[in-house]
Amino acid sequence: MIRMVDRVLGQLSLADGLVWSDTTELDQIARVIDWVPIKALLGQRSGPGRGNISYRAEALLRCLLLGVWNNLSDPALEAQLRDRLSFRRFAGFSLSDRTPDHSTLWRFREELTCDGLIDRVFDEITRQLEQKGLIVKRGTLIDASFMQAAARPPAKPKKGEEGSTRPSADTDARWGRKGNKTVFGYKVHNGVDDAHTLIRRMDFTDASITDTEPADGLISGDEEAAYGDQAYYTHARHARLKQAGIKDRLMHRANKHHPLTPRQKLRNRLISTVRAAVERPFAVFKQRYGMRRLRFFNLATNRTQCMLAGCGYNLQRATAVLFPRRKPA
C-alpha cells in the first residue's frame, strides 16, 4: 500500500524576504479569516510514512480560489502559480517550492465535491464573517440567475419529431426560461445579507428549476426580513415567514383576476430599491470570474465551482469592507 506525506511548503529564504515586501490584496484576504478551522475541515490528504508526496489541502484550496478570482482554467492556473510571486505567497509556496499541476488541481476540486466538503468550507467562512459582525441579519435578499452550460445545447426537435435530434455532452443541463430569456444550462440561487451583500446561503440547480422551488432554503431564519421579486411570493411562504417572525418583503404579483392596487405597486417599488443589491454577487460571478458560461460538463463539478466562487466572493467582499481603499486626495 502506497502512503503519501504532505509536502513541506513555505520555508522562506532570505531571497523570499527580499522579494516579498509589498502588501497586496491577497495578503489582506489571507488575514480576513482564521484558516486553522478550514484546515481542520479539509483534513489530511495523505497518511504518515514514506511514499508519494501530496500537497496540503489548504494550499490547494487557496490555489483554486486564485483560479476563481482570476478566471483561470486549471492549465492556466498551473502556469500562473509557477510565475506569479503574489500567487505563490498567498498559496504558501516559497520561491523554491514546486507548485501543483493542472491534474492535481482538478483532482482536488473533485475531492471538494465529495460528501459536501465544499459546503462545509463555505459555511465556515460565512460563520467567521458573521462572528466579525459583517453579516448584520437586518434582511436577506433572495434571487437566482442563469449560467450557460459549457456544452452545446441539444438541437430542438422539429415539428412532428420527438426528443432531440442532437444530444448534448452535458446531460445534467436543462433549458430554462425567465421572461423572454431562454438558457440551456444551470441556475445559481443566492440568499444575500443586505448590509454588505455577503452570501449567506447558496443553491445550484439545472436551469429548469423555478426560482421559487429552492427559495425557503435561502432564508437563514434569523434575519428581520426577507426580500424578493414577484417570483417568490406565495401565500404559503408568507405564512411561514410570519410564523418565524420574519417580515415578508416579497413583491406582490398581479394576475388577470386581481390586478395590483396602487398601494401594492408602491410597496413593490420600495422593495425593488432594496433587493436590487442582490445583483452584485451575480455580476461579480459573471463579469469578473468568467462564469457567464460554465467550464465543466456536469452538475456536481459546476456546483463545486460555483460554491468556490461564493467563498471567493465573500472573502473579497469582506476584505473590501475591512480594508477600504483610500481615495486619492
Protein backbone atom coordinates (compact mmCIF):
# COMPACT_ATOMS: atom_id res chain seq x y z
CA MET A 1 0.00 0.00 0.00
CA ILE A 2 1.39 3.40 -1.02
CA ARG A 3 1.28 6.05 1.70
CA MET A 4 1.63 9.73 0.96
CA VAL A 5 3.03 12.53 3.08
CA ASP A 6 2.33 16.23 2.84
CA ARG A 7 4.86 18.41 1.13
CA VAL A 8 6.70 20.82 3.39
CA LEU A 9 5.89 24.22 1.94
CA GLY A 10 6.66 27.84 2.60
CA GLN A 11 10.11 27.56 4.21
CA LEU A 12 11.18 31.08 3.33
CA SER A 13 14.73 32.02 2.43
CA LEU A 14 16.44 35.43 2.55
CA ALA A 15 15.61 35.82 -1.16
CA ASP A 16 11.91 35.29 -0.42
CA GLY A 17 12.00 38.01 2.22
CA LEU A 18 13.68 40.47 -0.13
CA VAL A 19 11.25 39.82 -2.99
CA TRP A 20 8.04 39.73 -0.93
CA SER A 21 7.94 43.12 0.71
CA ASP A 22 4.80 44.90 -0.55
CA THR A 23 1.37 44.09 0.89
CA THR A 24 -1.16 43.05 -1.74
CA GLU A 25 -4.92 42.48 -1.75
CA LEU A 26 -4.18 38.76 -1.48
CA ASP A 27 -2.30 39.36 1.76
CA GLN A 28 -5.34 41.21 3.10
CA ILE A 29 -7.66 38.40 2.04
CA ALA A 30 -5.42 35.91 3.83
CA ARG A 31 -5.93 37.87 7.08
CA VAL A 32 -9.73 38.16 6.84
CA ILE A 33 -10.39 34.73 8.35
CA ASP A 34 -8.69 32.19 10.57
CA TRP A 35 -7.58 29.39 8.27
CA VAL A 36 -6.98 26.87 11.06
CA PRO A 37 -10.64 25.71 11.20
CA ILE A 38 -10.64 25.49 7.39
CA LYS A 39 -7.55 23.29 7.54
CA ALA A 40 -9.24 21.08 10.13
CA LEU A 41 -12.36 20.77 7.97
CA LEU A 42 -10.36 19.76 4.91
CA GLY A 43 -8.42 17.17 6.86
CA GLN A 44 -5.18 15.49 5.90
CA ARG A 45 -4.95 14.39 2.30
CA SER A 46 -2.18 11.89 2.94
CA GLY A 47 -1.21 9.41 5.59
CA PRO A 48 2.05 9.40 7.53
CA GLY A 49 5.06 7.47 6.38
CA ARG A 50 7.14 7.14 3.27
CA GLY A 51 5.72 7.28 -0.22
CA ASN A 52 4.35 9.77 -2.69
CA ILE A 53 4.29 13.39 -1.59
CA SER A 54 0.99 15.30 -1.85
CA TYR A 55 0.03 18.93 -1.45
CA ARG A 56 -1.78 20.13 1.65
CA ALA A 57 -5.49 20.64 1.17
CA GLU A 58 -5.41 24.22 2.43
CA ALA A 59 -2.77 25.17 -0.15
CA LEU A 60 -4.82 23.60 -2.95
CA LEU A 61 -7.98 25.38 -1.79
CA ARG A 62 -6.12 28.68 -1.93
CA CYS A 63 -4.93 27.78 -5.43
CA LEU A 64 -8.48 27.13 -6.62
CA LEU A 65 -9.61 30.44 -5.13
CA LEU A 66 -6.87 32.16 -7.12
CA GLY A 67 -8.23 30.47 -10.21
CA VAL A 68 -11.75 31.75 -9.46
CA TRP A 69 -10.65 35.33 -8.78
CA ASN A 70 -8.61 35.50 -11.98
CA ASN A 71 -10.89 33.48 -14.28
CA LEU A 72 -8.23 30.86 -14.98
CA SER A 73 -8.57 27.34 -16.31
CA ASP A 74 -6.60 24.69 -14.43
CA PRO A 75 -3.73 24.66 -17.01
CA ALA A 76 -3.60 28.48 -16.94
CA LEU A 77 -3.62 28.44 -13.13
CA GLU A 78 -0.75 25.93 -13.15
CA ALA A 79 1.31 28.34 -15.26
CA GLN A 80 0.45 31.39 -13.13
CA LEU A 81 1.34 29.58 -9.90
CA ARG A 82 4.81 28.96 -11.31
CA ASP A 83 5.34 32.56 -12.42
CA ARG A 84 3.46 34.98 -10.14
CA LEU A 85 5.02 35.84 -6.80
CA SER A 86 1.76 37.05 -5.25
CA PHE A 87 0.08 33.75 -6.13
CA ARG A 88 2.90 31.78 -4.55
CA ARG A 89 2.79 33.80 -1.36
CA PHE A 90 -1.00 33.51 -0.96
CA ALA A 91 -0.94 29.75 -1.52
CA GLY A 92 2.05 29.27 0.81
CA PHE A 93 4.77 28.37 -1.69
CA SER A 94 8.30 29.70 -1.40
CA LEU A 95 10.35 30.61 -4.47
CA SER A 96 11.92 27.14 -4.47
CA ASP A 97 8.74 25.11 -3.87
CA ARG A 98 7.30 23.02 -6.67
CA THR A 99 3.70 24.07 -7.42
CA PRO A 100 0.80 21.74 -8.34
CA ASP A 101 0.00 20.85 -11.93
CA HIS A 102 -3.44 21.10 -13.51
CA SER A 103 -4.32 17.43 -12.91
CA THR A 104 -3.65 17.86 -9.17
CA LEU A 105 -5.90 20.92 -9.11
CA TRP A 106 -8.62 19.01 -10.96
CA ARG A 107 -8.44 16.06 -8.56
CA PHE A 108 -8.68 18.34 -5.54
CA ARG A 109 -11.80 20.03 -6.94
CA GLU A 110 -13.31 16.56 -7.21
CA GLU A 111 -12.35 15.92 -3.57
CA LEU A 112 -14.23 19.07 -2.57
CA THR A 113 -17.27 17.75 -4.43
CA CYS A 114 -17.45 14.60 -2.31
CA ASP A 115 -19.55 14.44 0.87
CA GLY A 116 -20.48 18.12 0.80
CA LEU A 117 -16.96 19.22 1.73
CA ILE A 118 -17.15 22.48 -0.22
CA ASP A 119 -20.44 23.30 1.55
CA ARG A 120 -18.76 22.94 4.95
CA VAL A 121 -15.93 25.23 3.82
CA PHE A 122 -18.46 27.83 2.64
CA ASP A 123 -20.38 27.57 5.93
CA GLU A 124 -17.21 28.02 7.99
CA ILE A 125 -16.19 31.13 6.07
CA THR A 126 -19.70 32.54 6.50
CA ARG A 127 -19.66 31.69 10.21
CA GLN A 128 -16.43 33.60 10.73
CA LEU A 129 -17.69 36.64 8.80
CA GLU A 130 -20.83 36.60 10.93
CA GLN A 131 -18.66 36.42 14.05
CA LYS A 132 -16.82 39.54 12.87
CA GLY A 133 -20.12 41.42 12.63
CA LEU A 134 -20.03 41.69 8.85
CA ILE A 135 -23.39 39.89 8.50
CA VAL A 136 -25.92 42.18 10.14
CA LYS A 137 -29.06 39.99 9.70
CA ARG A 138 -31.22 43.01 9.02
CA GLY A 139 -32.54 41.48 5.83
CA THR A 140 -31.92 38.68 3.34
CA LEU A 141 -32.18 39.37 -0.38
CA ILE A 142 -33.03 36.30 -2.49
CA ASP A 143 -32.70 35.87 -6.22
CA ALA A 144 -31.48 33.48 -8.93
CA SER A 145 -29.51 33.84 -12.16
CA PHE A 146 -28.91 31.65 -15.21
CA MET A 147 -25.47 30.29 -16.11
CA GLN A 148 -24.94 28.89 -19.58
CA ALA A 149 -23.68 25.32 -19.92
CA ALA A 150 -20.21 24.69 -21.34
CA ALA A 151 -21.63 22.14 -23.78
CA ARG A 152 -23.55 22.96 -26.92
CA PRO A 153 -27.28 22.79 -26.28
CA PRO A 154 -29.20 19.88 -27.78
CA ALA A 155 -30.93 20.56 -31.06
CA LYS A 156 -34.60 21.28 -30.57
CA PRO A 157 -36.85 18.71 -32.29
CA LYS A 158 -38.62 19.76 -35.44
CA LYS A 159 -42.37 19.80 -35.63
CA GLY A 160 -43.72 16.25 -35.51
CA GLU A 161 -40.46 14.80 -34.08
CA GLU A 162 -40.00 13.53 -30.54
CA GLY A 163 -36.95 14.20 -28.41
CA SER A 164 -33.79 15.97 -29.50
CA THR A 165 -32.09 15.47 -32.86
CA ARG A 166 -28.66 16.04 -31.30
CA PRO A 167 -27.83 15.16 -27.66
CA SER A 168 -25.71 17.46 -25.50
CA ALA A 169 -22.38 16.49 -23.96
CA ASP A 170 -23.78 17.80 -20.66
CA THR A 171 -26.64 15.50 -19.72
CA ASP A 172 -27.36 17.38 -16.46
CA ALA A 173 -28.03 20.79 -18.03
CA ARG A 174 -31.58 21.78 -18.92
CA TRP A 175 -33.45 24.53 -20.74
CA GLY A 176 -34.77 27.29 -18.54
CA ARG A 177 -36.91 30.31 -19.28
CA LYS A 178 -37.47 33.53 -17.36
CA GLY A 179 -39.47 36.23 -19.10
CA ASN A 180 -38.13 36.45 -22.65
CA LYS A 181 -34.77 34.87 -21.74
CA THR A 182 -34.12 31.20 -22.55
CA VAL A 183 -30.89 29.49 -21.47
CA PHE A 184 -29.55 25.94 -21.68
CA GLY A 185 -27.55 25.32 -18.51
CA TYR A 186 -27.89 25.93 -14.82
CA LYS A 187 -29.13 28.38 -12.25
CA VAL A 188 -27.44 29.73 -9.11
CA HIS A 189 -29.69 30.78 -6.21
CA ASN A 190 -28.38 33.18 -3.54
CA GLY A 191 -29.54 34.47 -0.19
CA VAL A 192 -27.57 37.67 0.43
CA ASP A 193 -27.26 39.82 3.56
CA ASP A 194 -28.42 43.33 2.73
CA ALA A 195 -25.76 45.12 4.80
CA HIS A 196 -22.65 44.16 2.79
CA THR A 197 -24.15 41.80 0.15
CA LEU A 198 -22.33 38.82 1.64
CA ILE A 199 -23.79 35.48 0.52
CA ARG A 200 -25.28 33.53 3.44
CA ARG A 201 -26.96 30.70 1.57
CA MET A 202 -26.40 29.23 -1.90
CA ASP A 203 -28.05 26.63 -4.09
CA PHE A 204 -27.23 25.38 -7.57
CA THR A 205 -29.70 23.63 -9.88
CA ASP A 206 -30.31 22.97 -13.52
CA ALA A 207 -31.96 25.83 -15.38
CA SER A 208 -35.40 24.21 -15.49
CA ILE A 209 -35.92 24.64 -11.73
CA THR A 210 -38.10 27.66 -10.99
CA ASP A 211 -36.78 30.42 -8.76
CA THR A 212 -39.31 29.71 -6.02
CA GLU A 213 -38.55 25.98 -5.52
CA PRO A 214 -35.27 26.36 -3.52
CA ALA A 215 -36.27 29.73 -2.00
CA ASP A 216 -37.05 28.58 1.54
CA GLY A 217 -33.51 27.19 1.84
CA LEU A 218 -32.06 30.62 1.03
CA ILE A 219 -33.67 32.20 4.11
CA SER A 220 -31.49 31.66 7.18
CA GLY A 221 -34.25 32.11 9.76
CA ASP A 222 -32.52 34.72 11.93
CA GLU A 223 -32.99 37.76 9.68
CA GLU A 224 -35.50 40.51 10.33
CA ALA A 225 -36.94 40.48 6.79
CA ALA A 226 -36.79 38.57 3.52
CA TYR A 227 -36.78 40.46 0.19
CA GLY A 228 -37.53 39.01 -3.23
CA ASP A 229 -39.25 39.70 -6.53
CA GLN A 230 -42.72 38.52 -7.60
CA ALA A 231 -41.46 35.02 -8.45
CA TYR A 232 -41.02 34.24 -4.75
CA TYR A 233 -44.36 35.31 -3.35
CA THR A 234 -46.79 32.57 -2.33
CA HIS A 235 -49.43 32.55 0.40
CA ALA A 236 -47.73 29.52 1.97
CA ARG A 237 -44.33 31.28 2.09
CA HIS A 238 -45.96 34.40 3.54
CA ALA A 239 -47.45 32.25 6.31
CA ARG A 240 -44.12 30.55 7.04
CA LEU A 241 -42.29 33.87 7.28
CA LYS A 242 -44.95 35.27 9.58
CA GLN A 243 -44.77 32.21 11.83
CA ALA A 244 -40.97 32.58 12.01
CA GLY A 245 -41.24 36.27 12.93
CA ILE A 246 -39.62 37.37 9.65
CA LYS A 247 -41.12 40.33 7.82
CA ASP A 248 -42.42 39.43 4.37
CA ARG A 249 -40.84 41.80 1.87
CA LEU A 250 -41.61 39.70 -1.20
CA MET A 251 -43.07 41.70 -4.07
CA HIS A 252 -46.73 41.02 -4.80
CA ARG A 253 -47.70 39.51 -8.14
CA ALA A 254 -50.71 40.53 -10.17
CA ASN A 255 -52.95 38.19 -12.17
CA LYS A 256 -55.79 38.73 -14.60
CA HIS A 257 -58.36 38.45 -11.83
CA HIS A 258 -56.55 40.54 -9.21
CA PRO A 259 -54.51 43.48 -10.57
CA LEU A 260 -52.20 45.23 -8.15
CA THR A 261 -53.63 48.10 -6.15
CA PRO A 262 -51.80 51.46 -6.08
CA ARG A 263 -50.64 50.60 -2.55
CA GLN A 264 -49.21 47.27 -3.69
CA LYS A 265 -47.45 48.94 -6.63
CA LEU A 266 -45.82 51.44 -4.27
CA ARG A 267 -44.82 48.61 -1.94
CA ASN A 268 -43.22 46.73 -4.83
CA ARG A 269 -41.22 49.79 -5.90
CA LEU A 270 -39.91 50.30 -2.37
CA ILE A 271 -38.93 46.64 -2.09
CA SER A 272 -37.28 46.74 -5.53
CA THR A 273 -34.87 49.50 -4.47
CA VAL A 274 -33.67 47.36 -1.55
CA ARG A 275 -33.48 44.00 -3.30
CA ALA A 276 -31.53 45.40 -6.27
CA ALA A 277 -28.30 44.88 -4.29
CA VAL A 278 -28.71 41.11 -4.67
CA GLU A 279 -27.39 41.51 -8.23
CA ARG A 280 -23.87 42.35 -7.00
CA PRO A 281 -22.67 38.74 -6.48
CA PHE A 282 -24.15 37.63 -9.80
CA ALA A 283 -22.39 40.48 -11.59
CA VAL A 284 -19.06 39.55 -9.97
CA PHE A 285 -19.52 35.87 -10.84
CA LYS A 286 -20.20 36.61 -14.49
CA GLN A 287 -18.10 39.69 -15.26
CA ARG A 288 -15.02 39.12 -13.09
CA TYR A 289 -14.99 35.35 -12.53
CA GLY A 290 -15.98 34.48 -16.10
CA MET A 291 -18.96 32.35 -15.06
CA ARG A 292 -21.47 33.62 -17.59
CA ARG A 293 -20.65 30.31 -19.26
CA LEU A 294 -19.52 27.43 -17.04
CA ARG A 295 -16.38 25.33 -17.59
CA PHE A 296 -17.49 21.82 -16.70
CA PHE A 297 -19.89 19.25 -18.14
CA ASN A 298 -21.89 18.03 -15.17
CA LEU A 299 -23.93 19.50 -12.35
CA ALA A 300 -21.74 18.26 -9.47
CA THR A 301 -18.47 19.83 -10.65
CA ASN A 302 -20.16 23.04 -11.80
CA ARG A 303 -21.83 23.27 -8.39
CA THR A 304 -18.49 22.92 -6.62
CA GLN A 305 -17.01 25.65 -8.81
CA CYS A 306 -19.99 27.89 -8.02
CA MET A 307 -19.59 27.27 -4.27
CA LEU A 308 -15.89 28.12 -4.63
CA ALA A 309 -16.98 31.35 -6.31
CA GLY A 310 -19.26 32.04 -3.33
CA CYS A 311 -16.33 31.53 -0.95
CA GLY A 312 -14.12 33.73 -3.09
CA TYR A 313 -16.72 36.47 -3.42
CA ASN A 314 -17.34 36.57 0.34
CA LEU A 315 -13.61 36.78 1.08
CA GLN A 316 -13.08 39.59 -1.43
CA ARG A 317 -16.18 41.46 -0.29
CA ALA A 318 -15.21 41.17 3.39
CA THR A 319 -11.71 42.43 2.51
CA ALA A 320 -13.20 45.47 0.78
CA VAL A 321 -15.24 46.25 3.91
CA LEU A 322 -12.44 45.66 6.42
CA PHE A 323 -9.65 47.26 4.36
CA PRO A 324 -11.31 50.09 2.41
CA ARG A 325 -9.13 51.69 -0.19
CA ARG A 326 -8.36 55.34 0.40
CA LYS A 327 -9.42 57.65 -2.37
CA PRO A 328 -6.62 59.87 -3.69
CA ALA A 329 -6.76 63.44 -2.42
